[in-house]
Amino acid sequence: MKYKYHFRPAYNCEHLLIEIFSGVEDKNFITDLLDSLKEINPEIESIMDLWMNDEIIFQVKSDIGLFSISKDIWDFSFIESEKDQECMNRINSILLKNINFQKIEVDFENYKL
């Protein structure tokens, strides 16, 4: 497995997100991620470079809705869609079938403040 991720709640919140915590440093990460999601036709609409946070956020539209992909200098990436949780469920199910991604289970209680 090239990339490892958690499908988990945001801190002190109900909505789920995908946290990719291993492999993000790979120079092909964004390409690999978008290729893995090709069945939903992801298309980057915009890229925001948040230089103060050393983070890049890609706004993505797809056949299943809008979502964002963030990548930071600590080699973490988050996929989020606060308004469309079904979109997140579908992305998770796609990644589960991809040989490059491995889901690592977490205890949802750990994300409550």
Protein backbone atom coordinates (compact mmCIF):
# COMPACT_ATOMS: atom_id res chain seq x y z
CA MET A 1 0.00 0.00 0.00
CA LYS A 2 1.30 3.38 -0.98
CA TYR A 3 -1.11 5.60 0.98
CA LYS A 4 -2.76 5.08 4.37
CA TYR A 5 -5.82 6.95 5.56
CA HIS A 6 -8.46 7.33 8.26
CA PHE A 7 -12.14 7.88 7.52
CA ARG A 8 -13.08 9.75 10.66
CA PRO A 9 -15.10 12.57 12.16
CA ALA A 10 -13.71 16.08 12.27
CA TYR A 11 -12.83 17.16 15.80
CA ASN A 12 -15.90 17.79 17.94
CA CYS A 13 -18.12 17.59 14.88
CA GLU A 14 -20.46 15.15 13.19
CA HIS A 15 -19.18 15.39 9.63
CA LEU A 16 -16.73 12.80 8.34
CA LEU A 17 -13.50 13.46 6.50
CA ILE A 18 -10.64 11.46 5.04
CA GLU A 19 -7.22 12.05 6.58
CA ILE A 20 -4.36 10.67 4.49
CA PHE A 21 -1.37 10.41 6.78
CA SER A 22 1.12 8.20 4.95
CA GLY A 23 2.54 8.70 1.46
CA VAL A 24 1.45 12.32 1.03
CA GLU A 25 5.08 13.36 0.60
CA ASP A 26 5.20 11.46 -2.72
CA LYS A 27 5.49 13.92 -5.62
CA ASN A 28 2.76 12.00 -7.48
CA PHE A 29 0.28 12.06 -4.58
CA ILE A 30 -2.33 14.43 -6.07
CA THR A 31 -2.15 12.72 -9.47
CA ASP A 32 -2.47 9.28 -7.85
CA LEU A 33 -5.41 10.44 -5.74
CA LEU A 34 -7.29 11.96 -8.67
CA ASP A 35 -6.56 8.87 -10.79
CA SER A 36 -7.98 6.66 -8.06
CA LEU A 37 -11.19 8.73 -8.13
CA LYS A 38 -11.54 8.79 -11.94
CA GLU A 39 -14.92 6.98 -11.85
CA ILE A 40 -16.48 10.14 -10.37
CA ASN A 41 -14.73 12.44 -12.89
CA PRO A 42 -12.93 14.77 -10.46
CA GLU A 43 -11.98 18.14 -11.90
CA ILE A 44 -9.94 20.74 -10.02
CA GLU A 45 -11.87 24.03 -10.08
CA SER A 46 -9.40 26.13 -8.13
CA ILE A 47 -6.20 25.97 -6.12
CA MET A 48 -5.61 28.15 -3.07
CA ASP A 49 -2.09 28.48 -1.71
CA LEU A 50 -2.39 29.42 1.96
CA TRP A 51 1.22 30.43 2.40
CA MET A 52 0.64 31.57 6.00
CA ASN A 53 -0.37 28.00 6.90
CA ASP A 54 1.94 26.30 4.39
CA GLU A 55 -1.09 24.55 2.96
CA ILE A 56 -2.60 24.12 -0.51
CA ILE A 57 -6.33 23.54 -0.96
CA PHE A 58 -7.75 22.12 -4.18
CA GLN A 59 -11.46 22.70 -4.77
CA VAL A 60 -12.76 19.74 -6.75
CA LYS A 61 -16.04 19.18 -8.55
CA SER A 62 -17.15 15.69 -9.48
CA ASP A 63 -20.13 13.65 -10.58
CA ILE A 64 -21.01 13.08 -6.90
CA GLY A 65 -20.56 16.63 -5.61
CA LEU A 66 -18.03 19.20 -4.50
CA PHE A 67 -15.17 18.45 -2.14
CA SER A 68 -11.78 19.85 -1.17
CA ILE A 69 -8.36 18.28 -0.91
CA SER A 70 -5.86 20.00 1.36
CA LYS A 71 -2.15 19.21 1.58
CA ASP A 72 0.24 20.66 4.13
CA ILE A 73 3.98 20.72 4.77
CA TRP A 74 3.64 18.09 7.52
CA ASP A 75 2.65 15.57 4.84
CA PHE A 76 -0.99 15.29 5.77
CA SER A 77 -3.86 15.57 3.35
CA PHE A 78 -7.54 15.93 4.10
CA ILE A 79 -10.51 15.33 1.83
CA GLU A 80 -13.62 17.11 3.06
CA SER A 81 -17.14 17.92 1.97
CA GLU A 82 -19.01 19.44 4.91
CA LYS A 83 -22.24 19.85 2.97
CA ASP A 84 -22.26 16.46 1.23
CA GLN A 85 -21.50 13.54 3.50
CA GLU A 86 -22.71 11.05 0.89
CA CYS A 87 -19.88 12.32 -1.30
CA MET A 88 -17.42 11.42 1.48
CA ASN A 89 -18.93 7.95 1.86
CA ARG A 90 -18.59 7.35 -1.86
CA ILE A 91 -14.95 8.53 -1.93
CA ASN A 92 -14.18 6.19 0.96
CA SER A 93 -15.80 3.25 -0.85
CA ILE A 94 -13.74 4.02 -3.98
CA LEU A 95 -10.47 4.21 -2.00
CA LEU A 96 -11.30 0.92 -0.25
CA LYS A 97 -11.20 -0.83 -3.63
CA ASN A 98 -7.94 0.80 -4.76
CA ILE A 99 -4.73 -1.16 -4.20
CA ASN A 100 -2.76 2.04 -3.53
CA PHE A 101 -4.88 3.02 -0.52
CA GLN A 102 -5.28 1.33 2.85
CA LYS A 103 -7.90 2.38 5.35
CA ILE A 104 -6.76 2.25 8.99
CA GLU A 105 -9.68 2.07 11.43
CA VAL A 106 -9.91 4.60 14.28
CA ASP A 107 -12.04 5.02 17.38
CA PHE A 108 -14.49 7.86 16.72
CA GLU A 109 -14.47 8.68 20.45
CA ASN A 110 -10.89 9.97 20.06
CA TYR A 111 -12.19 12.91 18.02
CA LYS A 112 -14.58 14.29 20.61
CA LEU A 113 -13.30 17.24 22.62
